[in-house]
Amino acid sequence: MIRINALLCLIFGLTAASAWALPETVIEIRNHLFIPQRVTIPANTKVKIIFVNHDDTPEEIDSFDLNREKVVLGHSRATIFVGPLPPGEYQFFGEYHPNTAVGIVEVTDIVEGSNAD
């Protein structure tokens, strides 16, 4: 019985640790703009995207390409998870400010830069 409990703890611990090891990238919202407007993430990998809203007003992140929708209140943050995705470009926009709040998630086999760890 002790061996079974130890095995379950080991399996649960490895599963929990792998969930925390997801690559992540941060996109800021300032003056109804996404900064950066383009982020690059690895293909075929689940990724955590954190939106940090520095504006006083909320923004609704919307993406038909990613099938995601999330409201980020003013002076707060929100997280979405995407992937695993094949290589390509996936558009997203701010529903409350669609003319200025626009962005692209670029999914590539090789990730350059530091916006996806």
Protein backbone atom coordinates (compact mmCIF):
# COMPACT_ATOMS: atom_id res chain seq x y z
CA MET A 1 0.00 0.00 0.00
CA ILE A 2 2.84 2.39 0.81
CA ARG A 3 4.40 1.69 -2.60
CA ILE A 4 1.15 2.52 -4.37
CA ASN A 5 0.81 5.79 -2.45
CA ALA A 6 4.43 6.68 -3.20
CA LEU A 7 3.91 5.90 -6.88
CA LEU A 8 0.76 8.03 -7.03
CA CYS A 9 2.56 10.92 -5.33
CA LEU A 10 5.42 10.62 -7.81
CA ILE A 11 3.07 10.57 -10.80
CA PHE A 12 1.03 13.51 -9.48
CA GLY A 13 4.20 15.46 -8.70
CA LEU A 14 5.58 14.95 -12.20
CA THR A 15 2.27 15.93 -13.77
CA ALA A 16 2.04 19.09 -11.64
CA ALA A 17 5.66 19.98 -12.36
CA SER A 18 5.16 19.62 -16.11
CA ALA A 19 2.13 21.94 -15.95
CA TRP A 20 4.29 24.63 -14.37
CA ALA A 21 6.99 24.21 -17.00
CA LEU A 22 4.91 25.60 -19.88
CA PRO A 23 6.57 28.22 -22.06
CA GLU A 24 5.00 31.62 -21.50
CA THR A 25 4.97 35.04 -23.05
CA VAL A 26 3.67 38.38 -21.78
CA ILE A 27 1.68 40.91 -23.81
CA GLU A 28 1.02 44.32 -22.26
CA ILE A 29 -1.97 46.54 -23.01
CA ARG A 30 -1.10 50.25 -22.96
CA ASN A 31 -3.18 53.05 -24.50
CA HIS A 32 -5.37 50.39 -26.18
CA LEU A 33 -2.36 48.82 -27.94
CA PHE A 34 -0.83 45.37 -27.54
CA ILE A 35 2.89 45.52 -26.75
CA PRO A 36 4.43 43.68 -28.48
CA GLN A 37 1.97 43.38 -31.33
CA ARG A 38 3.63 40.18 -32.56
CA VAL A 39 4.82 37.31 -30.38
CA THR A 40 6.51 34.13 -31.50
CA ILE A 41 5.81 30.80 -29.82
CA PRO A 42 6.99 27.25 -30.52
CA ALA A 43 4.94 24.95 -32.72
CA ASN A 44 3.25 21.86 -31.32
CA THR A 45 3.59 23.12 -27.73
CA LYS A 46 1.03 24.36 -25.23
CA VAL A 47 1.89 27.98 -24.28
CA LYS A 48 0.71 30.32 -21.54
CA ILE A 49 0.03 33.90 -22.72
CA ILE A 50 -0.29 36.51 -19.98
CA PHE A 51 -2.04 39.78 -20.82
CA VAL A 52 -1.22 42.69 -18.48
CA ASN A 53 -3.63 45.62 -18.85
CA HIS A 54 -2.09 48.93 -17.75
CA ASP A 55 -5.10 50.94 -18.98
CA ASP A 56 -7.93 52.21 -16.78
CA THR A 57 -10.52 50.50 -18.98
CA PRO A 58 -11.09 46.80 -19.67
CA GLU A 59 -10.19 45.10 -22.92
CA GLU A 60 -11.69 41.94 -24.37
CA ILE A 61 -9.09 39.78 -26.08
CA ASP A 62 -10.74 38.04 -29.01
CA SER A 63 -9.34 35.60 -31.56
CA PHE A 64 -11.30 33.62 -34.08
CA ASP A 65 -8.06 31.96 -35.22
CA LEU A 66 -7.19 30.77 -31.71
CA ASN A 67 -10.81 30.23 -30.63
CA ARG A 68 -10.21 32.31 -27.49
CA GLU A 69 -12.03 35.18 -25.79
CA LYS A 70 -11.08 36.78 -22.47
CA VAL A 71 -11.89 40.05 -20.69
CA VAL A 72 -8.97 41.76 -18.96
CA LEU A 73 -10.12 44.39 -16.48
CA GLY A 74 -8.26 47.68 -16.16
CA HIS A 75 -5.04 47.45 -14.12
CA SER A 76 -5.19 43.66 -13.99
CA ARG A 77 -3.92 40.59 -15.78
CA ALA A 78 -5.43 37.54 -17.41
CA THR A 79 -4.02 34.31 -18.75
CA ILE A 80 -4.97 32.23 -21.76
CA PHE A 81 -3.50 28.94 -22.88
CA VAL A 82 -3.03 28.16 -26.57
CA GLY A 83 -1.79 25.16 -28.45
CA PRO A 84 -0.39 22.89 -29.35
CA LEU A 85 -0.62 24.66 -32.71
CA PRO A 86 0.87 24.01 -36.15
CA PRO A 87 3.16 26.69 -37.64
CA GLY A 88 1.33 29.76 -38.90
CA GLU A 89 0.03 33.19 -37.94
CA TYR A 90 -2.95 33.59 -35.64
CA GLN A 91 -4.60 37.01 -35.30
CA PHE A 92 -6.11 38.44 -32.13
CA PHE A 93 -7.66 41.82 -31.36
CA GLY A 94 -9.21 43.89 -28.62
CA GLU A 95 -12.95 43.84 -29.14
CA TYR A 96 -13.42 47.18 -27.36
CA HIS A 97 -10.68 48.87 -29.45
CA PRO A 98 -10.45 46.84 -32.68
CA ASN A 99 -8.78 49.63 -34.68
CA THR A 100 -5.77 49.92 -32.37
CA ALA A 101 -5.56 46.75 -30.29
CA VAL A 102 -4.43 44.19 -32.85
CA GLY A 103 -1.82 41.48 -32.66
CA ILE A 104 -0.44 38.28 -34.12
CA VAL A 105 0.75 35.07 -32.52
CA GLU A 106 3.36 33.62 -34.86
CA VAL A 107 3.89 29.90 -34.38
CA THR A 108 7.19 28.58 -35.70
CA ASP A 109 9.29 25.45 -35.49
CA ILE A 110 12.25 27.57 -34.35
CA VAL A 111 11.70 30.33 -31.80
CA GLU A 112 14.06 33.30 -31.83
CA GLY A 113 14.21 36.07 -29.26
CA SER A 114 13.12 36.12 -25.66
CA ASN A 115 9.33 36.47 -25.81
CA ALA A 116 8.77 32.72 -25.46
CA ASP A 117 10.73 30.98 -22.76
